[in-house]
C-alpha atoms as a PDB file:
ATOM      1  CA  MET A   1     109.287 100.254 120.886  1.00  0.00           C
ATOM      2  CA  ALA A   2     105.508 101.056 121.311  1.00  0.00           C
ATOM      3  CA  ASN A   3     102.762  99.043 120.279  1.00  0.00           C
ATOM      4  CA  ILE A   4      99.463 100.458 118.726  1.00  0.00           C
ATOM      5  CA  ALA A   5      96.773  98.606 118.358  1.00  0.00           C
ATOM      6  CA  ILE A   6      94.419  99.495 115.509  1.00  0.00           C
ATOM      7  CA  SER A   7      90.520  98.267 115.959  1.00  0.00           C
ATOM      8  CA  ASN A   8      87.359  98.779 113.950  1.00  0.00           C
ATOM      9  CA  LEU A   9      88.993  99.253 110.796  1.00  0.00           C
ATOM     10  CA  ARG A  10      86.458 100.412 108.057  1.00  0.00           C
ATOM     11  CA  PRO A  11      86.816 101.051 104.178  1.00  0.00           C
ATOM     12  CA  ALA A  12      85.885 104.669 103.541  1.00  0.00           C
ATOM     13  CA  GLY A  13      82.378 105.301 102.535  1.00  0.00           C
ATOM     14  CA  ALA A  14      81.445 101.687 104.473  1.00  0.00           C
ATOM     15  CA  ASP A  15      78.811 104.132 106.082  1.00  0.00           C
ATOM     16  CA  LEU A  16      76.896 104.542 103.768  1.00  0.00           C
ATOM     17  CA  PHE A  17      75.482 101.121 103.598  1.00  0.00           C
ATOM     18  CA  ASP A  18      74.486 100.408 106.913  1.00  0.00           C
ATOM     19  CA  GLY A  19      72.137 102.399 109.129  1.00  0.00           C
ATOM     20  CA  SER A  20      68.355 103.195 108.101  1.00  0.00           C
ATOM     21  CA  GLU A  21      69.060 106.008 105.572  1.00  0.00           C
ATOM     22  CA  SER A  22      70.976 103.464 103.297  1.00  0.00           C
ATOM     23  CA  PHE A  23      69.994 104.138  99.819  1.00  0.00           C
ATOM     24  CA  MET A  24      70.768  99.612 100.019  1.00  0.00           C
ATOM     25  CA  ASN A  25      67.265  99.740 102.335  1.00  0.00           C
ATOM     26  CA  ASP A  26      65.884 101.039  98.817  1.00  0.00           C
ATOM     27  CA  LEU A  27      66.509  97.916  96.253  1.00  0.00           C
ATOM     28  CA  THR A  28      64.906  95.472  95.437  1.00  0.00           C
ATOM     29  CA  ASP A  29      65.695  91.450  95.644  1.00  0.00           C
ATOM     30  CA  SER A  30      65.851  91.432  91.407  1.00  0.00           C
ATOM     31  CA  GLU A  31      67.287  94.747  91.079  1.00  0.00           C
ATOM     32  CA  LEU A  32      70.052  92.895  94.139  1.00  0.00           C
ATOM     33  CA  ASP A  33      69.964  90.272  91.618  1.00  0.00           C
ATOM     34  CA  ILE A  34      71.059  91.777  88.350  1.00  0.00           C
ATOM     35  CA  THR A  35      73.875  94.122  90.261  1.00  0.00           C
ATOM     36  CA  LYS A  36      77.499  92.709  88.941  1.00  0.00           C
ATOM     37  CA  GLY A  37      81.066  93.675  89.186  1.00  0.00           C
ATOM     38  CA  GLY A  38      83.969  92.396  87.992  1.00  0.00           C
ATOM     39  CA  PHE A  39      85.304  91.399  84.377  1.00  0.00           C
ATOM     40  CA  THR A  40      83.085  90.406  81.552  1.00  0.00           C
ATOM     41  CA  PRO A  41      84.406  89.089  78.617  1.00  0.00           C
ATOM     42  CA  ALA A  42      84.105  91.220  76.362  1.00  0.00           C
ATOM     43  CA  PHE A  43      85.942  93.856  78.468  1.00  0.00           C
ATOM     44  CA  VAL A  44      89.061  91.239  78.927  1.00  0.00           C
ATOM     45  CA  LEU A  45      88.782  90.619  75.197  1.00  0.00           C
ATOM     46  CA  GLY A  46      89.058  94.460  74.608  1.00  0.00           C
ATOM     47  CA  PHE A  47      91.716  94.658  76.741  1.00  0.00           C
ATOM     48  CA  ALA A  48      93.616  92.181  74.820  1.00  0.00           C
ATOM     49  CA  ALA A  49      92.884  93.867  71.928  1.00  0.00           C
ATOM     50  CA  GLY A  50      94.177  97.156  72.939  1.00  0.00           C
ATOM     51  CA  VAL A  51      96.984  95.643  74.535  1.00  0.00           C
ATOM     52  CA  ALA A  52      98.115  93.424  71.202  1.00  0.00           C
ATOM     53  CA  ALA A  53      97.542  96.818  69.189  1.00  0.00           C
ATOM     54  CA  GLY A  54     100.019  98.696  71.636  1.00  0.00           C
ATOM     55  CA  VAL A  55     102.552  96.191  70.846  1.00  0.00           C
ATOM     56  CA  ALA A  56     102.348  95.961  67.574  1.00  0.00           C
ATOM     57  CA  ILE A  57     102.546 100.353  67.576  1.00  0.00           C
ATOM     58  CA  SER A  58     105.370  99.887  69.319  1.00  0.00           C
ATOM     59  CA  TYR A  59     107.231  96.906  67.915  1.00  0.00           C
ATOM     60  CA  LEU A  60     106.314  99.157  64.196  1.00  0.00           C
ATOM     61  CA  LEU A  61     108.415 102.622  65.768  1.00  0.00           C
ATOM     62  CA  LYS A  62     111.217 100.975  66.426  1.00  0.00           C
END
């Protein structure tokens, strides 16, 4: 059986973040500090409320 070696794997678009023309170089330290991602408590509560409403509606329509 043939062996295939794959090296230098990079996610699509990774080249946008490296190099001298990257927009990341234009961000200040304070802008980088406020950049966040992920789930916030408000998002989690809203998602849970939506799921609960969906379950309740599907239960009532049975």
